[in-house]
């Protein structure tokens, strides 16, 4: 599993419905590798206060793990973290903010079967 990015609507922590197929595949692959640990990192754009953005980013990460669980995935290998707006992928116009409203799934460690 390489780095995966899910994009979110502005101000929303709802997991995008079009990401469920991707989450199911990632979850199954992760569960096939019991040593794998996956970080689910939530991010926000810079609109709003730092506290609001931090809370939103955590909610995005936690909701993504809940979506994995809803899909029947064992989520013991997944850990959530929120970064708020502190790690943008793009800076500049508000038109570029959509890529900053995201959750990234990243394998921290693991080994194949």
Protein backbone atom coordinates (compact mmCIF):
# COMPACT_ATOMS: atom_id res chain seq x y z
CA UNK A 1 0.00 0.00 0.00
CA UNK A 2 1.55 3.28 -1.07
CA UNK A 3 0.47 6.61 0.32
CA UNK A 4 -3.25 7.20 -0.21
CA UNK A 5 -5.03 10.54 -0.19
CA UNK A 6 -8.76 11.11 0.35
CA UNK A 7 -10.14 14.59 -0.32
CA UNK A 8 -12.86 16.15 1.82
CA UNK A 9 -15.39 18.92 1.30
CA UNK A 10 -14.73 22.26 3.01
CA UNK A 11 -15.69 22.16 6.69
CA UNK A 12 -16.77 18.51 6.49
CA UNK A 13 -15.46 15.42 8.24
CA UNK A 14 -17.75 13.09 6.27
CA UNK A 15 -15.76 10.44 4.41
CA UNK A 16 -16.39 10.92 0.68
CA UNK A 17 -18.62 8.08 -0.58
CA UNK A 18 -16.46 7.60 -3.67
CA UNK A 19 -13.54 6.57 -1.44
CA UNK A 20 -15.19 3.49 0.09
CA UNK A 21 -13.96 1.08 -2.62
CA UNK A 22 -10.41 2.33 -2.16
CA UNK A 23 -10.69 2.06 1.63
CA UNK A 24 -11.98 -1.53 1.37
CA UNK A 25 -8.99 -2.55 -0.78
CA UNK A 26 -6.50 -0.81 1.51
CA UNK A 27 -8.08 -2.35 4.58
CA UNK A 28 -7.99 -5.85 3.14
CA UNK A 29 -4.35 -5.48 2.11
CA UNK A 30 -3.44 -4.17 5.54
CA UNK A 31 -5.26 -6.99 7.32
CA UNK A 32 -3.35 -9.47 5.12
CA UNK A 33 -0.14 -8.10 6.64
CA UNK A 34 -0.56 -8.33 10.43
CA UNK A 35 2.72 -6.51 11.13
CA UNK A 36 1.61 -3.42 9.19
CA UNK A 37 0.68 -0.24 11.04
CA UNK A 38 -1.09 2.50 9.12
CA UNK A 39 -1.24 6.14 10.10
CA UNK A 40 -4.49 7.86 9.14
CA UNK A 41 -3.55 11.53 9.11
CA UNK A 42 -6.23 14.21 8.90
CA UNK A 43 -5.53 17.65 7.47
CA UNK A 44 -7.48 20.85 6.84
CA UNK A 45 -7.13 23.98 4.79
CA UNK A 46 -6.20 27.25 6.49
CA UNK A 47 -9.74 28.66 6.62
CA UNK A 48 -10.92 29.15 10.20
CA UNK A 49 -9.16 29.05 13.54
CA UNK A 50 -6.26 26.77 14.40
CA UNK A 51 -8.39 24.97 17.00
CA UNK A 52 -11.28 24.41 14.59
CA UNK A 53 -8.90 23.10 11.93
CA UNK A 54 -7.18 20.77 14.39
CA UNK A 55 -10.51 19.36 15.58
CA UNK A 56 -11.71 18.94 11.99
CA UNK A 57 -8.53 17.14 10.96
CA UNK A 58 -8.83 14.70 13.88
CA UNK A 59 -12.50 14.09 13.03
CA UNK A 60 -11.56 13.34 9.41
CA UNK A 61 -8.97 10.79 10.51
CA UNK A 62 -11.27 9.15 13.06
CA UNK A 63 -14.20 9.05 10.62
CA UNK A 64 -11.96 7.36 8.06
CA UNK A 65 -11.12 4.63 10.57
CA UNK A 66 -14.83 4.30 11.39
CA UNK A 67 -15.54 3.90 7.67
CA UNK A 68 -12.97 1.10 7.50
CA UNK A 69 -14.69 -0.59 10.43
CA UNK A 70 -18.09 -0.16 8.74
CA UNK A 71 -16.63 -1.97 5.73
CA UNK A 72 -15.74 -4.94 7.94
CA UNK A 73 -12.04 -4.15 8.26
CA UNK A 74 -10.23 -4.88 11.53
CA UNK A 75 -9.01 -1.41 12.47
CA UNK A 76 -6.54 -2.45 15.17
CA UNK A 77 -3.67 -1.73 12.75
CA UNK A 78 -4.79 1.85 12.06
CA UNK A 79 -4.00 4.92 14.16
CA UNK A 80 -5.45 8.39 13.72
CA UNK A 81 -3.73 11.73 14.03
CA UNK A 82 -4.80 15.28 13.18
CA UNK A 83 -2.48 17.97 11.86
CA UNK A 84 -4.92 20.81 11.28
CA UNK A 85 -3.60 23.17 8.61
CA UNK A 86 0.07 22.75 9.60
CA UNK A 87 1.10 20.49 6.69
CA UNK A 88 -0.37 21.92 3.48
CA UNK A 89 0.29 20.30 0.12
CA UNK A 90 -0.46 23.58 -1.64
CA UNK A 91 -0.37 27.21 -0.58
CA UNK A 92 -1.76 30.19 -2.37
CA UNK A 93 -5.21 30.82 -3.71
CA UNK A 94 -8.33 29.42 -2.12
CA UNK A 95 -8.78 27.35 -5.29
CA UNK A 96 -5.79 25.27 -4.20
CA UNK A 97 -7.17 24.66 -0.70
CA UNK A 98 -9.14 21.58 -1.76
CA UNK A 99 -6.02 19.39 -1.81
CA UNK A 100 -5.25 20.45 1.77
CA UNK A 101 -8.65 19.14 2.97
CA UNK A 102 -7.56 15.54 3.10
CA UNK A 103 -6.75 12.34 4.91
CA UNK A 104 -3.54 10.53 4.07
CA UNK A 105 -3.04 6.85 4.82
CA UNK A 106 0.60 5.91 5.18
CA UNK A 107 2.16 2.58 6.11
CA UNK A 108 4.49 3.18 9.07
CA UNK A 109 5.89 -0.34 9.26
CA UNK A 110 5.09 -3.85 8.17
CA UNK A 111 6.24 -6.85 6.30
CA UNK A 112 4.59 -9.03 3.69
CA UNK A 113 3.35 -12.56 4.25
